[in-house]
Amino acid sequence: MNLDTPVVAGTLESSDVMITLECGICNGIEIDLTSTVEKQFGAAIRRVITETLAELGVCDARVTAVDKGALDCTLRARVKTVVARAEAAQETEVVL
């Protein structure tokens, strides 16, 4: 997957996370995390993001996550949404 523009899912509301995905611009997965609970849960948040991307077959992307205390299920949902939006945007770019 290779996109010219970043794709976003989520909000900056409490208990949510905003995920920005840029595909095809790096080698591997890069995660830039800003979180209100990073000291306690930063490693777990990164793990959930990485595992979800791997499950979806994404292996080359830069992820920016701004977390406001999201649960694991919310993290997974936002990552799945941003990947689906990226795939849809890629299909649109190819058609144009």
N, C-alpha and C. Protein backbone atom coordinates (compact mmCIF):
# COMPACT_ATOMS: atom_id res chain seq x y z
N MET A 1 0.85 -1.17 0.00
CA MET A 1 0.00 0.00 0.00
C MET A 1 0.90 1.23 0.00
N ASN A 2 0.60 2.18 -0.87
CA ASN A 2 1.39 3.40 -0.96
C ASN A 2 0.44 4.56 -1.21
N LEU A 3 0.40 5.51 -0.28
CA LEU A 3 -0.52 6.64 -0.38
C LEU A 3 0.23 7.95 -0.36
N ASP A 4 -0.31 8.95 -1.05
CA ASP A 4 0.28 10.27 -1.04
C ASP A 4 -0.13 11.08 0.18
N THR A 5 -1.31 10.80 0.72
CA THR A 5 -1.82 11.58 1.86
C THR A 5 -2.07 10.68 3.05
N PRO A 6 -1.87 11.20 4.27
CA PRO A 6 -2.16 10.42 5.48
C PRO A 6 -3.66 10.20 5.63
N VAL A 7 -4.02 9.12 6.31
CA VAL A 7 -5.41 8.78 6.59
C VAL A 7 -5.59 8.79 8.10
N VAL A 8 -6.76 9.26 8.57
CA VAL A 8 -6.99 9.45 10.00
C VAL A 8 -8.27 8.73 10.43
N ALA A 9 -8.24 8.20 11.66
CA ALA A 9 -9.43 7.64 12.30
C ALA A 9 -9.37 7.96 13.78
N GLY A 10 -10.51 8.21 14.38
CA GLY A 10 -10.57 8.47 15.81
C GLY A 10 -10.73 9.95 16.13
N THR A 11 -10.79 10.22 17.44
CA THR A 11 -10.97 11.59 17.92
C THR A 11 -10.00 11.85 19.07
N LEU A 12 -10.00 13.06 19.54
CA LEU A 12 -9.18 13.43 20.69
C LEU A 12 -10.01 13.51 21.96
N GLU A 13 -11.17 12.87 21.95
CA GLU A 13 -12.03 12.82 23.13
C GLU A 13 -11.44 11.88 24.18
N SER A 14 -11.85 12.04 25.40
CA SER A 14 -11.42 11.17 26.48
C SER A 14 -11.80 9.72 26.17
N SER A 15 -10.91 8.79 26.48
CA SER A 15 -11.10 7.35 26.25
C SER A 15 -11.09 6.97 24.77
N ASP A 16 -10.51 7.81 23.93
CA ASP A 16 -10.40 7.50 22.50
C ASP A 16 -8.95 7.67 22.07
N VAL A 17 -8.69 7.39 20.82
CA VAL A 17 -7.36 7.56 20.26
C VAL A 17 -7.50 8.02 18.82
N MET A 18 -6.65 8.96 18.40
CA MET A 18 -6.62 9.39 17.01
C MET A 18 -5.41 8.74 16.35
N ILE A 19 -5.67 7.96 15.32
CA ILE A 19 -4.63 7.25 14.60
C ILE A 19 -4.46 7.87 13.22
N THR A 20 -3.23 8.23 12.88
CA THR A 20 -2.90 8.72 11.54
C THR A 20 -1.97 7.70 10.91
N LEU A 21 -2.27 7.29 9.69
CA LEU A 21 -1.51 6.26 9.00
C LEU A 21 -0.94 6.82 7.70
N GLU A 22 0.36 6.66 7.53
CA GLU A 22 1.04 7.02 6.28
C GLU A 22 1.70 5.73 5.79
N CYS A 23 1.34 5.29 4.61
CA CYS A 23 1.81 4.00 4.09
C CYS A 23 2.91 4.17 3.06
N GLY A 24 3.79 3.17 3.03
CA GLY A 24 4.80 3.10 1.99
C GLY A 24 5.89 4.14 2.06
N ILE A 25 6.12 4.72 3.25
CA ILE A 25 7.14 5.77 3.34
C ILE A 25 8.31 5.38 4.23
N CYS A 26 8.29 4.20 4.79
CA CYS A 26 9.38 3.77 5.65
C CYS A 26 9.54 2.26 5.50
N ASN A 27 10.56 1.73 6.10
CA ASN A 27 10.77 0.28 6.09
C ASN A 27 10.34 -0.28 7.43
N GLY A 28 9.24 -0.99 7.43
CA GLY A 28 8.72 -1.53 8.67
C GLY A 28 7.64 -0.63 9.24
N ILE A 29 7.35 -0.85 10.51
CA ILE A 29 6.33 -0.07 11.22
C ILE A 29 7.02 0.91 12.16
N GLU A 30 6.68 2.18 12.02
CA GLU A 30 7.16 3.21 12.93
C GLU A 30 5.95 3.77 13.67
N ILE A 31 6.03 3.83 14.99
CA ILE A 31 4.91 4.33 15.80
C ILE A 31 5.38 5.53 16.60
N ASP A 32 4.71 6.66 16.39
CA ASP A 32 4.93 7.87 17.18
C ASP A 32 3.73 7.99 18.11
N LEU A 33 3.96 7.75 19.40
CA LEU A 33 2.86 7.70 20.38
C LEU A 33 2.93 8.89 21.33
N THR A 34 1.79 9.56 21.47
CA THR A 34 1.60 10.56 22.51
C THR A 34 0.39 10.08 23.31
N SER A 35 0.60 9.89 24.61
CA SER A 35 -0.48 9.32 25.41
C SER A 35 -0.47 9.90 26.82
N THR A 36 -1.66 10.07 27.35
CA THR A 36 -1.78 10.52 28.74
C THR A 36 -1.38 9.43 29.72
N VAL A 37 -1.30 8.20 29.24
CA VAL A 37 -0.93 7.07 30.10
C VAL A 37 0.29 6.33 29.54
N GLU A 38 1.16 7.05 28.83
CA GLU A 38 2.28 6.41 28.16
C GLU A 38 3.23 5.72 29.13
N LYS A 39 3.50 6.31 30.28
CA LYS A 39 4.43 5.69 31.23
C LYS A 39 3.93 4.33 31.70
N GLN A 40 2.63 4.22 31.93
CA GLN A 40 2.06 2.96 32.41
C GLN A 40 1.78 1.98 31.28
N PHE A 41 1.28 2.45 30.15
CA PHE A 41 0.75 1.55 29.13
C PHE A 41 1.35 1.75 27.73
N GLY A 42 2.39 2.55 27.60
CA GLY A 42 2.97 2.83 26.29
C GLY A 42 3.37 1.59 25.52
N ALA A 43 4.06 0.66 26.20
CA ALA A 43 4.50 -0.57 25.53
C ALA A 43 3.30 -1.40 25.07
N ALA A 44 2.27 -1.46 25.90
CA ALA A 44 1.07 -2.24 25.55
C ALA A 44 0.33 -1.61 24.38
N ILE A 45 0.26 -0.28 24.35
CA ILE A 45 -0.40 0.42 23.24
C ILE A 45 0.34 0.15 21.94
N ARG A 46 1.65 0.25 21.98
CA ARG A 46 2.45 -0.02 20.77
C ARG A 46 2.27 -1.47 20.31
N ARG A 47 2.22 -2.40 21.26
CA ARG A 47 2.04 -3.81 20.92
C ARG A 47 0.70 -4.04 20.24
N VAL A 48 -0.36 -3.46 20.78
CA VAL A 48 -1.70 -3.64 20.19
C VAL A 48 -1.73 -3.07 18.76
N ILE A 49 -1.15 -1.89 18.57
CA ILE A 49 -1.12 -1.29 17.24
C ILE A 49 -0.34 -2.17 16.28
N THR A 50 0.84 -2.62 16.69
CA THR A 50 1.70 -3.45 15.84
C THR A 50 1.02 -4.77 15.50
N GLU A 51 0.43 -5.43 16.49
CA GLU A 51 -0.24 -6.72 16.26
C GLU A 51 -1.42 -6.56 15.31
N THR A 52 -2.20 -5.50 15.48
CA THR A 52 -3.36 -5.29 14.62
C THR A 52 -2.93 -5.01 13.18
N LEU A 53 -1.90 -4.21 13.01
CA LEU A 53 -1.39 -3.95 11.65
C LEU A 53 -0.89 -5.24 11.01
N ALA A 54 -0.19 -6.07 11.79
CA ALA A 54 0.30 -7.35 11.27
C ALA A 54 -0.85 -8.25 10.85
N GLU A 55 -1.90 -8.31 11.66
CA GLU A 55 -3.08 -9.13 11.33
C GLU A 55 -3.70 -8.67 10.01
N LEU A 56 -3.61 -7.37 9.73
CA LEU A 56 -4.21 -6.81 8.51
C LEU A 56 -3.24 -6.81 7.33
N GLY A 57 -2.03 -7.31 7.55
CA GLY A 57 -1.06 -7.42 6.47
C GLY A 57 -0.32 -6.14 6.16
N VAL A 58 -0.34 -5.18 7.06
CA VAL A 58 0.38 -3.92 6.86
C VAL A 58 1.76 -4.06 7.49
N CYS A 59 2.80 -3.92 6.67
CA CYS A 59 4.16 -4.11 7.19
C CYS A 59 5.07 -2.93 6.91
N ASP A 60 4.56 -1.90 6.25
CA ASP A 60 5.37 -0.74 5.90
C ASP A 60 4.52 0.51 6.09
N ALA A 61 4.60 1.12 7.29
CA ALA A 61 3.77 2.29 7.57
C ALA A 61 4.30 3.08 8.74
N ARG A 62 3.96 4.36 8.73
CA ARG A 62 4.24 5.22 9.88
C ARG A 62 2.90 5.52 10.54
N VAL A 63 2.82 5.27 11.84
CA VAL A 63 1.60 5.49 12.59
C VAL A 63 1.85 6.57 13.63
N THR A 64 0.96 7.55 13.66
CA THR A 64 0.97 8.54 14.73
C THR A 64 -0.28 8.31 15.55
N ALA A 65 -0.09 8.05 16.84
CA ALA A 65 -1.22 7.78 17.73
C ALA A 65 -1.25 8.81 18.85
N VAL A 66 -2.38 9.49 18.98
CA VAL A 66 -2.58 10.43 20.08
C VAL A 66 -3.67 9.80 20.95
N ASP A 67 -3.24 9.22 22.06
CA ASP A 67 -4.12 8.43 22.91
C ASP A 67 -4.61 9.25 24.09
N LYS A 68 -5.87 9.09 24.39
CA LYS A 68 -6.49 9.75 25.55
C LYS A 68 -7.08 8.71 26.50
N GLY A 69 -6.37 7.59 26.65
CA GLY A 69 -6.82 6.55 27.58
C GLY A 69 -7.72 5.51 26.95
N ALA A 70 -7.52 5.22 25.67
CA ALA A 70 -8.37 4.25 24.96
C ALA A 70 -8.08 2.83 25.43
N LEU A 71 -9.11 2.02 25.48
CA LEU A 71 -8.97 0.60 25.78
C LEU A 71 -8.42 -0.12 24.56
N ASP A 72 -7.93 -1.35 24.77
CA ASP A 72 -7.37 -2.15 23.67
C ASP A 72 -8.37 -2.33 22.53
N CYS A 73 -9.64 -2.58 22.86
CA CYS A 73 -10.64 -2.79 21.81
C CYS A 73 -10.82 -1.53 20.97
N THR A 74 -10.73 -0.36 21.58
CA THR A 74 -10.83 0.90 20.85
C THR A 74 -9.61 1.09 19.96
N LEU A 75 -8.42 0.78 20.49
CA LEU A 75 -7.20 0.87 19.68
C LEU A 75 -7.31 -0.01 18.44
N ARG A 76 -7.74 -1.26 18.63
CA ARG A 76 -7.88 -2.17 17.49
C ARG A 76 -8.89 -1.64 16.47
N ALA A 77 -10.01 -1.15 16.97
CA ALA A 77 -11.05 -0.64 16.07
C ALA A 77 -10.55 0.55 15.26
N ARG A 78 -9.82 1.44 15.90
CA ARG A 78 -9.30 2.62 15.19
C ARG A 78 -8.25 2.22 14.16
N VAL A 79 -7.38 1.27 14.50
CA VAL A 79 -6.37 0.81 13.55
C VAL A 79 -7.04 0.13 12.37
N LYS A 80 -8.02 -0.72 12.62
CA LYS A 80 -8.73 -1.39 11.53
C LYS A 80 -9.44 -0.37 10.63
N THR A 81 -10.02 0.66 11.23
CA THR A 81 -10.71 1.68 10.46
C THR A 81 -9.75 2.47 9.59
N VAL A 82 -8.61 2.85 10.16
CA VAL A 82 -7.66 3.66 9.39
C VAL A 82 -7.07 2.84 8.23
N VAL A 83 -6.86 1.55 8.44
CA VAL A 83 -6.36 0.70 7.36
C VAL A 83 -7.42 0.54 6.27
N ALA A 84 -8.67 0.36 6.66
CA ALA A 84 -9.76 0.25 5.67
C ALA A 84 -9.88 1.54 4.87
N ARG A 85 -9.75 2.69 5.53
CA ARG A 85 -9.81 3.97 4.82
C ARG A 85 -8.62 4.12 3.88
N ALA A 86 -7.45 3.67 4.30
CA ALA A 86 -6.27 3.74 3.45
C ALA A 86 -6.44 2.87 2.21
N GLU A 87 -7.01 1.67 2.39
CA GLU A 87 -7.26 0.79 1.25
C GLU A 87 -8.26 1.41 0.29
N ALA A 88 -9.32 2.03 0.84
CA ALA A 88 -10.32 2.67 -0.01
C ALA A 88 -9.71 3.87 -0.74
N ALA A 89 -8.86 4.63 -0.06
CA ALA A 89 -8.22 5.78 -0.70
C ALA A 89 -7.28 5.32 -1.81
N GLN A 90 -6.60 4.21 -1.59
CA GLN A 90 -5.68 3.68 -2.60
C GLN A 90 -6.46 3.25 -3.84
N GLU A 91 -7.60 2.61 -3.64
CA GLU A 91 -8.43 2.20 -4.77
C GLU A 91 -8.91 3.41 -5.56
N THR A 92 -9.27 4.48 -4.85
CA THR A 92 -9.73 5.71 -5.50
C THR A 92 -8.60 6.34 -6.30
N GLU A 93 -7.38 6.36 -5.73
CA GLU A 93 -6.24 6.94 -6.44
C GLU A 93 -5.94 6.18 -7.72
N VAL A 94 -6.08 4.84 -7.68
CA VAL A 94 -5.79 4.02 -8.85
C VAL A 94 -6.82 4.28 -9.94
N VAL A 95 -8.10 4.44 -9.57
CA VAL A 95 -9.16 4.67 -10.54
C VAL A 95 -8.98 6.01 -11.23
N LEU A 96 -8.55 7.04 -10.47
CA LEU A 96 -8.38 8.36 -11.05
C LEU A 96 -7.19 8.33 -11.92
